[in-house]
Amino acid sequence: MSEKDSDLVQLGASDSTRRVLETLKDEGHIDTLLDGYRLGIATAIAFGKQPRRSGGESRKTMFQTSSVDDDDRSLRTTIVEVFPEAASWPYRAAEDLAEQGVGLIGESMDGDEIWFGDLLDRIRQANVGSTDAD
């Protein structure tokens, strides 16, 4: 397996993502940085974002994949089911989705406050019409 195709064993975040996560934790919106990281992944998926094999900003290690995923590897399974193109790099996909999702969360913040209602409205708007073809 080449470096390009190998998956991650440690997940990281950019400095800007770390700042948003730390603000969310410091203000009591999340209990742990890991909670925020997982929320970022879920937010990106809710917005219909696609994982990118390589991200923009450099990322510094934050978590082992075993810390982010449950023993049953449910995160890995979910990513592979939702994004079959990422089947050989699900944790790299999770890292990128966290990056995208935390960025979206940051857009719903005003200073140290987050407006979850705004975030939910934005998710609804992002999904308008996505079920029309169903």
Protein backbone atom coordinates (compact mmCIF):
# COMPACT_ATOMS: atom_id res chain seq x y z
CA MET A 1 0.00 0.00 0.00
CA SER A 2 1.47 3.36 -0.94
CA GLU A 3 1.67 6.36 1.42
CA LYS A 4 -1.06 8.01 -0.65
CA ASP A 5 -3.43 5.09 -0.04
CA SER A 6 -2.56 4.38 3.59
CA ASP A 7 -5.02 5.35 6.26
CA LEU A 8 -4.33 7.30 9.42
CA VAL A 9 -3.78 5.88 12.90
CA GLN A 10 -3.72 9.35 14.48
CA LEU A 11 -6.22 12.09 13.71
CA GLY A 12 -5.29 15.73 13.77
CA ALA A 13 -6.69 19.20 13.35
CA SER A 14 -5.53 22.55 12.06
CA ASP A 15 -4.81 25.41 14.43
CA SER A 16 -8.10 27.09 13.51
CA THR A 17 -10.08 23.92 14.24
CA ARG A 18 -8.30 23.51 17.57
CA ARG A 19 -9.21 27.09 18.50
CA VAL A 20 -12.91 26.50 17.79
CA LEU A 21 -12.88 23.23 19.74
CA GLU A 22 -11.11 24.85 22.69
CA THR A 23 -13.59 27.74 22.70
CA LEU A 24 -16.53 25.32 22.64
CA LYS A 25 -15.03 23.41 25.58
CA ASP A 26 -14.02 26.50 27.57
CA GLU A 27 -17.53 27.92 27.22
CA GLY A 28 -19.15 24.65 28.32
CA HIS A 29 -20.77 23.81 24.98
CA ILE A 30 -18.95 20.45 24.88
CA ASP A 31 -17.39 18.37 27.65
CA THR A 32 -14.26 17.28 25.79
CA LEU A 33 -12.36 18.19 22.65
CA LEU A 34 -13.14 14.69 21.42
CA ASP A 35 -16.88 15.41 21.72
CA GLY A 36 -16.40 18.49 19.55
CA TYR A 37 -14.30 16.55 17.04
CA ARG A 38 -17.07 13.97 16.67
CA LEU A 39 -19.67 16.75 16.45
CA GLY A 40 -17.60 18.22 13.62
CA ILE A 41 -17.72 14.93 11.71
CA ALA A 42 -21.48 14.69 12.18
CA THR A 43 -21.97 18.33 11.16
CA ALA A 44 -20.02 17.88 7.93
CA ILE A 45 -22.05 14.79 7.07
CA ALA A 46 -25.30 16.65 7.88
CA PHE A 47 -24.23 19.44 5.51
CA GLY A 48 -23.57 16.89 2.76
CA LYS A 49 -19.84 17.59 2.66
CA GLN A 50 -17.56 15.13 0.90
CA PRO A 51 -14.31 13.98 2.47
CA ARG A 52 -11.15 15.04 0.71
CA ARG A 53 -8.14 12.76 0.66
CA SER A 54 -5.85 15.68 1.47
CA GLY A 55 -6.83 18.82 3.30
CA GLY A 56 -5.57 22.37 3.04
CA GLU A 57 -4.03 23.47 6.33
CA SER A 58 -1.43 21.36 8.06
CA ARG A 59 -2.83 19.39 10.96
CA LYS A 60 -1.32 18.47 14.29
CA THR A 61 -2.11 15.16 15.97
CA MET A 62 -4.94 15.25 18.49
CA PHE A 63 -6.30 11.72 18.89
CA GLN A 64 -5.56 8.06 18.20
CA THR A 65 -8.18 6.55 15.92
CA SER A 66 -8.99 4.11 18.74
CA SER A 67 -9.98 7.10 20.91
CA VAL A 68 -12.29 8.59 18.29
CA ASP A 69 -13.90 5.34 17.16
CA ASP A 70 -15.72 2.85 19.38
CA ASP A 71 -14.45 -0.70 19.85
CA ASP A 72 -17.02 -1.83 17.29
CA ARG A 73 -15.48 0.60 14.76
CA SER A 74 -18.87 2.19 14.16
CA LEU A 75 -17.35 5.46 12.94
CA ARG A 76 -15.23 3.62 10.39
CA THR A 77 -18.26 1.57 9.28
CA THR A 78 -20.43 4.69 8.95
CA ILE A 79 -17.84 6.52 6.85
CA VAL A 80 -17.40 3.53 4.54
CA GLU A 81 -21.19 3.18 4.14
CA VAL A 82 -21.82 6.88 3.51
CA PHE A 83 -18.66 7.46 1.45
CA PRO A 84 -17.75 4.19 -0.31
CA GLU A 85 -15.03 6.00 -2.25
CA ALA A 86 -13.22 6.42 1.09
CA ALA A 87 -13.30 2.70 1.93
CA SER A 88 -9.49 2.47 1.94
CA TRP A 89 -9.03 5.72 3.92
CA PRO A 90 -11.98 6.11 6.34
CA TYR A 91 -9.97 7.74 9.13
CA ARG A 92 -8.37 10.18 6.73
CA ALA A 93 -11.94 10.95 5.65
CA ALA A 94 -13.04 11.35 9.27
CA GLU A 95 -10.20 13.79 9.92
CA ASP A 96 -11.17 15.89 6.92
CA LEU A 97 -14.87 15.78 7.79
CA ALA A 98 -14.04 16.93 11.33
CA GLU A 99 -12.04 19.80 9.87
CA GLN A 100 -14.88 20.83 7.56
CA GLY A 101 -17.58 20.37 10.20
CA VAL A 102 -15.82 22.31 12.95
CA GLY A 103 -15.32 25.10 10.43
CA LEU A 104 -19.07 25.12 9.79
CA ILE A 105 -19.72 25.17 13.54
CA GLY A 106 -17.34 28.11 13.85
CA GLU A 107 -19.43 30.00 11.31
CA SER A 108 -22.39 29.75 13.72
CA MET A 109 -20.41 31.27 16.56
CA ASP A 110 -20.47 34.88 17.66
CA GLY A 111 -17.37 35.33 19.77
CA ASP A 112 -17.55 32.66 22.45
CA GLU A 113 -21.25 31.91 21.90
CA ILE A 114 -22.58 29.33 19.49
CA TRP A 115 -26.03 29.60 18.04
CA PHE A 116 -27.17 26.00 17.60
CA GLY A 117 -30.48 27.19 16.15
CA ASP A 118 -28.54 28.96 13.40
CA LEU A 119 -26.48 25.83 12.79
CA LEU A 120 -29.62 23.69 12.51
CA ASP A 121 -31.24 26.21 10.15
CA ARG A 122 -28.12 26.12 7.97
CA ILE A 123 -28.19 22.31 7.93
CA ARG A 124 -31.86 22.35 6.88
CA GLN A 125 -31.07 24.84 4.11
CA ALA A 126 -28.14 22.74 2.92
CA ASN A 127 -30.49 19.78 2.59
CA VAL A 128 -33.40 21.53 0.87
CA GLY A 129 -34.09 19.70 -2.32
CA SER A 130 -31.77 16.80 -1.46
CA THR A 131 -34.81 14.56 -0.94
CA ASP A 132 -36.74 15.87 -3.96
CA ALA A 133 -35.24 13.18 -6.20
CA ASP A 134 -36.04 10.41 -3.72
